[in-house]
Amino acid sequence: MNRRKRDRRAGFSLIELIVVITILGILASTVVVSVFGRSDQARVAAVRADFSSILTASRLFREDHNRWPDTIEELMQPPASNTGSTMEYLSSEPFDPWTGEYYYYELGDRGPLVISWGADGLEGGEEFDADIYSDETGR
């Protein structure tokens, strides 16, 4: 008879399992809500990282060619430099996480300006629809 009592106490009761599963469900839903609310913030961070890569590649291009690149495509397929080098400055074209296309403008001595029109893909806007500029001026 002692053996039966010991076997019942060795496992979890149905109530205990339900309580644990409920607590895990509440924790999981809290984490999911926190993570899914940050997707636009992650896109903004990706845009800033792309801008950094494009501007660094543009500076390297300028050192080799004594001019700023005219387009982003020129960073992937550059002309031969004065030394004969045809090094690629970007291995692939970076894509805006919202619209797929960055706008690149060569501004003479000031260097390039790269723009993302934000989540709505249109000029202007607020919050995640706001334009993001590579030079931080927010023109």
N, C-alpha and C. Protein backbone atom coordinates (compact mmCIF):
# COMPACT_ATOMS: atom_id res chain seq x y z
N MET A 1 0.80 -1.19 0.00
CA MET A 1 0.00 0.00 0.00
C MET A 1 0.85 1.26 0.00
N ASN A 2 1.98 1.25 0.62
CA ASN A 2 2.88 2.39 0.60
C ASN A 2 3.36 2.71 -0.81
N ARG A 3 3.48 1.65 -1.59
CA ARG A 3 3.95 1.82 -2.97
C ARG A 3 2.96 2.65 -3.78
N ARG A 4 1.66 2.44 -3.62
CA ARG A 4 0.64 3.18 -4.34
C ARG A 4 0.66 4.65 -3.95
N LYS A 5 0.78 4.96 -2.70
CA LYS A 5 0.82 6.35 -2.24
C LYS A 5 2.04 7.07 -2.80
N ARG A 6 3.14 6.37 -2.82
CA ARG A 6 4.37 6.97 -3.33
C ARG A 6 4.25 7.25 -4.83
N ASP A 7 3.62 6.39 -5.61
CA ASP A 7 3.46 6.57 -7.05
C ASP A 7 2.58 7.78 -7.36
N ARG A 8 1.53 8.00 -6.56
CA ARG A 8 0.65 9.15 -6.80
C ARG A 8 1.38 10.46 -6.53
N ARG A 9 2.25 10.50 -5.58
CA ARG A 9 2.95 11.72 -5.21
C ARG A 9 4.14 12.00 -6.14
N ALA A 10 4.60 11.02 -6.89
CA ALA A 10 5.79 11.18 -7.73
C ALA A 10 5.53 12.08 -8.93
N GLY A 11 4.33 12.13 -9.48
CA GLY A 11 4.04 12.93 -10.67
C GLY A 11 3.34 14.24 -10.34
N PHE A 12 3.02 15.01 -11.41
CA PHE A 12 2.30 16.27 -11.25
C PHE A 12 0.81 16.02 -11.39
N SER A 13 0.02 16.78 -10.68
CA SER A 13 -1.43 16.65 -10.82
C SER A 13 -1.87 17.43 -12.05
N LEU A 14 -3.06 17.19 -12.50
CA LEU A 14 -3.62 17.86 -13.68
C LEU A 14 -3.70 19.37 -13.44
N ILE A 15 -4.08 19.78 -12.26
CA ILE A 15 -4.16 21.20 -11.92
C ILE A 15 -2.79 21.87 -12.02
N GLU A 16 -1.76 21.23 -11.50
CA GLU A 16 -0.41 21.78 -11.57
C GLU A 16 0.04 21.95 -13.01
N LEU A 17 -0.24 20.97 -13.84
CA LEU A 17 0.13 21.07 -15.26
C LEU A 17 -0.61 22.21 -15.96
N ILE A 18 -1.89 22.36 -15.68
CA ILE A 18 -2.68 23.44 -16.28
C ILE A 18 -2.14 24.80 -15.86
N VAL A 19 -1.79 24.96 -14.59
CA VAL A 19 -1.24 26.22 -14.10
C VAL A 19 0.09 26.54 -14.80
N VAL A 20 0.97 25.56 -14.92
CA VAL A 20 2.27 25.78 -15.57
C VAL A 20 2.08 26.13 -17.04
N ILE A 21 1.21 25.42 -17.74
CA ILE A 21 0.97 25.70 -19.16
C ILE A 21 0.37 27.10 -19.34
N THR A 22 -0.53 27.49 -18.45
CA THR A 22 -1.12 28.83 -18.52
C THR A 22 -0.06 29.90 -18.33
N ILE A 23 0.81 29.72 -17.35
CA ILE A 23 1.89 30.70 -17.11
C ILE A 23 2.81 30.78 -18.32
N LEU A 24 3.17 29.65 -18.89
CA LEU A 24 4.03 29.66 -20.09
C LEU A 24 3.33 30.35 -21.27
N GLY A 25 2.04 30.14 -21.41
CA GLY A 25 1.29 30.81 -22.47
C GLY A 25 1.27 32.32 -22.31
N ILE A 26 1.10 32.79 -21.09
CA ILE A 26 1.10 34.23 -20.83
C ILE A 26 2.48 34.82 -21.13
N LEU A 27 3.54 34.15 -20.69
CA LEU A 27 4.89 34.63 -20.98
C LEU A 27 5.17 34.65 -22.48
N ALA A 28 4.77 33.60 -23.19
CA ALA A 28 4.99 33.53 -24.63
C ALA A 28 4.24 34.64 -25.36
N SER A 29 3.02 34.92 -24.97
CA SER A 29 2.26 35.98 -25.64
C SER A 29 2.87 37.35 -25.38
N THR A 30 3.43 37.56 -24.20
CA THR A 30 4.10 38.82 -23.89
C THR A 30 5.32 39.01 -24.78
N VAL A 31 6.10 37.96 -24.95
CA VAL A 31 7.30 38.03 -25.78
C VAL A 31 6.91 38.28 -27.24
N VAL A 32 5.90 37.60 -27.74
CA VAL A 32 5.47 37.76 -29.13
C VAL A 32 5.03 39.20 -29.40
N VAL A 33 4.27 39.78 -28.50
CA VAL A 33 3.81 41.16 -28.67
C VAL A 33 4.99 42.11 -28.68
N SER A 34 5.97 41.89 -27.82
CA SER A 34 7.15 42.75 -27.76
C SER A 34 7.97 42.66 -29.03
N VAL A 35 8.15 41.47 -29.56
CA VAL A 35 8.98 41.27 -30.75
C VAL A 35 8.30 41.80 -32.00
N PHE A 36 7.02 41.52 -32.18
CA PHE A 36 6.35 41.95 -33.40
C PHE A 36 6.15 43.46 -33.47
N GLY A 37 6.17 44.14 -32.38
CA GLY A 37 6.05 45.59 -32.40
C GLY A 37 7.32 46.30 -32.82
N ARG A 38 8.39 45.59 -33.01
CA ARG A 38 9.69 46.20 -33.31
C ARG A 38 10.14 46.01 -34.75
N SER A 39 9.30 45.50 -35.63
CA SER A 39 9.74 45.23 -36.99
C SER A 39 10.12 46.51 -37.74
N ASP A 40 9.37 47.60 -37.56
CA ASP A 40 9.73 48.85 -38.23
C ASP A 40 11.01 49.44 -37.67
N GLN A 41 11.24 49.27 -36.37
CA GLN A 41 12.51 49.74 -35.80
C GLN A 41 13.68 48.96 -36.38
N ALA A 42 13.49 47.68 -36.62
CA ALA A 42 14.55 46.87 -37.23
C ALA A 42 14.80 47.32 -38.66
N ARG A 43 13.75 47.71 -39.37
CA ARG A 43 13.93 48.20 -40.75
C ARG A 43 14.71 49.52 -40.77
N VAL A 44 14.43 50.40 -39.82
CA VAL A 44 15.18 51.67 -39.74
C VAL A 44 16.65 51.37 -39.47
N ALA A 45 16.93 50.43 -38.59
CA ALA A 45 18.32 50.06 -38.29
C ALA A 45 19.00 49.47 -39.53
N ALA A 46 18.26 48.68 -40.32
CA ALA A 46 18.81 48.11 -41.56
C ALA A 46 19.13 49.21 -42.56
N VAL A 47 18.25 50.22 -42.66
CA VAL A 47 18.50 51.35 -43.56
C VAL A 47 19.77 52.08 -43.15
N ARG A 48 19.92 52.35 -41.88
CA ARG A 48 21.13 53.06 -41.39
C ARG A 48 22.40 52.24 -41.67
N ALA A 49 22.33 50.92 -41.50
CA ALA A 49 23.48 50.07 -41.80
C ALA A 49 23.80 50.09 -43.29
N ASP A 50 22.76 50.06 -44.13
CA ASP A 50 22.97 50.14 -45.58
C ASP A 50 23.61 51.48 -45.96
N PHE A 51 23.12 52.56 -45.37
CA PHE A 51 23.70 53.88 -45.64
C PHE A 51 25.19 53.90 -45.30
N SER A 52 25.54 53.32 -44.18
CA SER A 52 26.93 53.28 -43.77
C SER A 52 27.78 52.52 -44.80
N SER A 53 27.27 51.39 -45.28
CA SER A 53 28.00 50.61 -46.29
C SER A 53 28.13 51.37 -47.59
N ILE A 54 27.06 52.01 -48.02
CA ILE A 54 27.09 52.76 -49.28
C ILE A 54 28.06 53.93 -49.19
N LEU A 55 28.03 54.66 -48.09
CA LEU A 55 28.92 55.82 -47.94
C LEU A 55 30.38 55.40 -47.82
N THR A 56 30.65 54.31 -47.13
CA THR A 56 32.03 53.81 -47.04
C THR A 56 32.52 53.37 -48.42
N ALA A 57 31.69 52.64 -49.15
CA ALA A 57 32.06 52.22 -50.51
C ALA A 57 32.27 53.43 -51.41
N SER A 58 31.45 54.47 -51.24
CA SER A 58 31.60 55.69 -52.05
C SER A 58 32.92 56.39 -51.76
N ARG A 59 33.30 56.43 -50.49
CA ARG A 59 34.58 57.06 -50.13
C ARG A 59 35.76 56.29 -50.73
N LEU A 60 35.70 54.97 -50.69
CA LEU A 60 36.75 54.15 -51.29
C LEU A 60 36.81 54.38 -52.80
N PHE A 61 35.64 54.46 -53.43
CA PHE A 61 35.56 54.73 -54.87
C PHE A 61 36.22 56.06 -55.18
N ARG A 62 35.93 57.06 -54.36
CA ARG A 62 36.50 58.39 -54.59
C ARG A 62 38.02 58.37 -54.47
N GLU A 63 38.55 57.62 -53.53
CA GLU A 63 40.01 57.51 -53.38
C GLU A 63 40.64 56.90 -54.62
N ASP A 64 39.98 55.92 -55.21
CA ASP A 64 40.54 55.24 -56.38
C ASP A 64 40.31 55.98 -57.70
N HIS A 65 39.21 56.73 -57.80
CA HIS A 65 38.82 57.32 -59.08
C HIS A 65 38.83 58.85 -59.09
N ASN A 66 39.14 59.46 -57.96
CA ASN A 66 39.20 60.93 -57.84
C ASN A 66 37.87 61.61 -58.16
N ARG A 67 36.78 60.91 -57.92
CA ARG A 67 35.42 61.46 -58.07
C ARG A 67 34.46 60.58 -57.30
N TRP A 68 33.29 61.13 -57.02
CA TRP A 68 32.26 60.33 -56.36
C TRP A 68 31.56 59.47 -57.40
N PRO A 69 31.07 58.30 -57.02
CA PRO A 69 30.29 57.49 -57.99
C PRO A 69 29.00 58.20 -58.36
N ASP A 70 28.57 58.00 -59.60
CA ASP A 70 27.33 58.63 -60.08
C ASP A 70 26.08 57.88 -59.60
N THR A 71 26.22 56.57 -59.43
CA THR A 71 25.07 55.74 -59.03
C THR A 71 25.55 54.64 -58.07
N ILE A 72 24.61 54.00 -57.42
CA ILE A 72 24.95 52.85 -56.58
C ILE A 72 25.47 51.71 -57.46
N GLU A 73 24.91 51.57 -58.65
CA GLU A 73 25.33 50.51 -59.56
C GLU A 73 26.81 50.62 -59.90
N GLU A 74 27.33 51.84 -59.96
CA GLU A 74 28.74 52.05 -60.28
C GLU A 74 29.65 51.50 -59.16
N LEU A 75 29.12 51.37 -57.96
CA LEU A 75 29.88 50.78 -56.86
C LEU A 75 30.00 49.26 -57.02
N MET A 76 29.08 48.66 -57.76
CA MET A 76 29.12 47.21 -57.98
C MET A 76 29.86 46.86 -59.26
N GLN A 77 29.83 47.75 -60.24
CA GLN A 77 30.51 47.53 -61.51
C GLN A 77 31.31 48.79 -61.87
N PRO A 78 32.40 49.03 -61.14
CA PRO A 78 33.16 50.26 -61.34
C PRO A 78 34.01 50.20 -62.60
N PRO A 79 34.33 51.36 -63.15
CA PRO A 79 35.28 51.38 -64.26
C PRO A 79 36.68 51.10 -63.71
N ALA A 80 37.62 50.83 -64.59
CA ALA A 80 39.00 50.59 -64.15
C ALA A 80 39.54 51.88 -63.54
N SER A 81 40.26 51.74 -62.44
CA SER A 81 40.84 52.92 -61.78
C SER A 81 42.15 53.30 -62.45
N ASN A 82 42.76 54.35 -61.95
CA ASN A 82 44.05 54.82 -62.50
C ASN A 82 45.12 53.73 -62.39
N THR A 83 44.97 52.86 -61.42
CA THR A 83 45.94 51.77 -61.22
C THR A 83 45.56 50.52 -62.00
N GLY A 84 44.42 50.55 -62.70
CA GLY A 84 43.96 49.40 -63.46
C GLY A 84 43.08 48.45 -62.66
N SER A 85 42.84 48.76 -61.41
CA SER A 85 42.02 47.91 -60.55
C SER A 85 40.54 48.07 -60.90
N THR A 86 39.82 46.96 -60.90
CA THR A 86 38.36 46.99 -61.11
C THR A 86 37.67 46.36 -59.90
N MET A 87 38.14 46.70 -58.72
CA MET A 87 37.59 46.16 -57.49
C MET A 87 36.13 46.56 -57.30
N GLU A 88 35.28 45.61 -56.91
CA GLU A 88 33.90 45.92 -56.58
C GLU A 88 33.87 46.54 -55.19
N TYR A 89 33.13 47.62 -55.03
CA TYR A 89 33.03 48.28 -53.74
C TYR A 89 31.84 47.76 -52.95
N LEU A 90 30.82 47.29 -53.65
CA LEU A 90 29.67 46.61 -53.04
C LEU A 90 29.47 45.31 -53.80
N SER A 91 29.28 44.21 -53.08
CA SER A 91 29.10 42.92 -53.76
C SER A 91 27.69 42.76 -54.34
N SER A 92 26.73 43.41 -53.73
CA SER A 92 25.35 43.37 -54.24
C SER A 92 24.66 44.68 -53.89
N GLU A 93 23.61 44.98 -54.63
CA GLU A 93 22.89 46.23 -54.39
C GLU A 93 22.07 46.15 -53.11
N PRO A 94 22.25 47.12 -52.21
CA PRO A 94 21.42 47.13 -51.01
C PRO A 94 19.99 47.54 -51.35
N PHE A 95 19.03 46.94 -50.69
CA PHE A 95 17.62 47.24 -50.95
C PHE A 95 16.96 47.84 -49.74
N ASP A 96 16.18 48.87 -49.98
CA ASP A 96 15.37 49.50 -48.94
C ASP A 96 14.38 48.44 -48.43
N PRO A 97 14.30 48.21 -47.12
CA PRO A 97 13.41 47.17 -46.60
C PRO A 97 11.93 47.43 -46.85
N TRP A 98 11.55 48.66 -47.15
CA TRP A 98 10.14 48.96 -47.43
C TRP A 98 9.84 48.97 -48.91
N THR A 99 10.62 49.72 -49.68
CA THR A 99 10.29 49.91 -51.10
C THR A 99 11.22 49.18 -52.04
N GLY A 100 12.35 48.72 -51.53
CA GLY A 100 13.30 47.99 -52.37
C GLY A 100 14.32 48.86 -53.07
N GLU A 101 14.17 50.18 -53.01
CA GLU A 101 15.07 51.05 -53.76
C GLU A 101 15.49 52.25 -52.92
N TYR A 102 16.79 52.48 -52.88
CA TYR A 102 17.31 53.69 -52.27
C TYR A 102 17.51 54.73 -53.38
N TYR A 103 17.39 55.98 -53.02
CA TYR A 103 17.63 57.06 -53.96
C TYR A 103 19.00 57.65 -53.67
N TYR A 104 19.85 57.67 -54.68
CA TYR A 104 21.25 58.08 -54.54
C TYR A 104 21.47 59.32 -55.38
N TYR A 105 21.99 60.34 -54.72
CA TYR A 105 22.29 61.60 -55.42
C TYR A 105 23.74 61.97 -55.14
N GLU A 106 24.48 62.27 -56.19
CA GLU A 106 25.86 62.72 -56.04
C GLU A 106 25.83 64.24 -55.97
N LEU A 107 26.32 64.79 -54.87
CA LEU A 107 26.20 66.23 -54.62
C LEU A 107 27.51 66.99 -54.79
N GLY A 108 28.36 66.55 -55.70
CA GLY A 108 29.63 67.25 -55.93
C GLY A 108 30.58 67.08 -54.77
N ASP A 109 31.18 68.16 -54.31
CA ASP A 109 32.17 68.10 -53.24
C ASP A 109 31.59 67.61 -51.92
N ARG A 110 30.30 67.74 -51.74
CA ARG A 110 29.67 67.31 -50.49
C ARG A 110 29.54 65.80 -50.40
N GLY A 111 29.74 65.11 -51.49
CA GLY A 111 29.61 63.65 -51.50
C GLY A 111 28.19 63.21 -51.78
N PRO A 112 27.93 61.92 -51.67
CA PRO A 112 26.61 61.40 -52.00
C PRO A 112 25.59 61.60 -50.89
N LEU A 113 24.34 61.63 -51.30
CA LEU A 113 23.20 61.65 -50.39
C LEU A 113 22.34 60.44 -50.75
N VAL A 114 22.04 59.62 -49.78
CA VAL A 114 21.20 58.44 -50.00
C VAL A 114 19.93 58.63 -49.18
N ILE A 115 18.79 58.32 -49.81
CA ILE A 115 17.49 58.56 -49.16
C ILE A 115 16.63 57.30 -49.22
N SER A 116 15.95 57.04 -48.10
CA SER A 116 14.86 56.06 -48.05
C SER A 116 13.59 56.85 -47.76
N TRP A 117 12.53 56.61 -48.52
CA TRP A 117 11.29 57.35 -48.30
C TRP A 117 10.47 56.78 -47.17
N GLY A 118 10.97 55.78 -46.45
CA GLY A 118 10.25 55.26 -45.29
C GLY A 118 9.21 54.22 -45.65
N ALA A 119 8.38 53.88 -44.67
CA ALA A 119 7.42 52.79 -44.81
C ALA A 119 6.38 53.03 -45.90
N ASP A 120 5.96 54.29 -46.09
CA ASP A 120 4.93 54.56 -47.10
C ASP A 120 5.50 54.71 -48.51
N GLY A 121 6.81 54.83 -48.65
CA GLY A 121 7.43 54.96 -49.97
C GLY A 121 7.22 56.31 -50.61
N LEU A 122 6.72 57.28 -49.85
CA LEU A 122 6.45 58.61 -50.38
C LEU A 122 7.28 59.65 -49.64
N GLU A 123 7.59 60.72 -50.31
CA GLU A 123 8.36 61.78 -49.67
C GLU A 123 7.55 62.41 -48.54
N GLY A 124 8.23 62.70 -47.44
CA GLY A 124 7.56 63.27 -46.27
C GLY A 124 7.04 62.18 -45.36
N GLY A 125 6.26 62.55 -44.41
CA GLY A 125 5.66 61.58 -43.49
C GLY A 125 6.21 61.73 -42.09
N GLU A 126 5.61 60.99 -41.19
CA GLU A 126 6.00 61.03 -39.78
C GLU A 126 6.24 59.61 -39.29
N GLU A 127 6.97 59.50 -38.19
CA GLU A 127 7.33 58.24 -37.56
C GLU A 127 7.98 57.30 -38.57
N PHE A 128 7.44 56.11 -38.81
CA PHE A 128 8.09 55.17 -39.71
C PHE A 128 7.82 55.50 -41.19
N ASP A 129 6.91 56.41 -41.46
CA ASP A 129 6.69 56.89 -42.82
C ASP A 129 7.65 58.03 -43.17
N ALA A 130 8.39 58.52 -42.19
CA ALA A 130 9.29 59.65 -42.41
C ALA A 130 10.46 59.25 -43.29
N ASP A 131 10.99 60.23 -44.02
CA ASP A 131 12.16 60.00 -44.87
C ASP A 131 13.39 59.83 -43.99
N ILE A 132 14.32 59.01 -44.47
CA ILE A 132 15.58 58.82 -43.77
C ILE A 132 16.69 59.24 -44.73
N TYR A 133 17.53 60.17 -44.28
CA TYR A 133 18.61 60.68 -45.11
C TYR A 133 19.95 60.20 -44.58
N SER A 134 20.87 59.94 -45.48
CA SER A 134 22.18 59.44 -45.07
C SER A 134 23.00 60.51 -44.35
N ASP A 135 22.70 61.78 -44.59
CA ASP A 135 23.53 62.84 -43.97
C ASP A 135 22.91 63.38 -42.69
N GLU A 136 21.84 62.77 -42.21
CA GLU A 136 21.23 63.12 -40.92
C GLU A 136 20.63 64.53 -40.87
N THR A 137 20.53 65.23 -42.00
CA THR A 137 20.01 66.60 -41.94
C THR A 137 18.50 66.63 -41.89
N GLY A 138 17.85 65.58 -42.41
CA GLY A 138 16.40 65.57 -42.42
C GLY A 138 15.82 66.62 -43.33
N ARG A 139 16.53 66.94 -44.38
CA ARG A 139 16.16 67.98 -45.35
C ARG A 139 14.69 68.20 -45.41
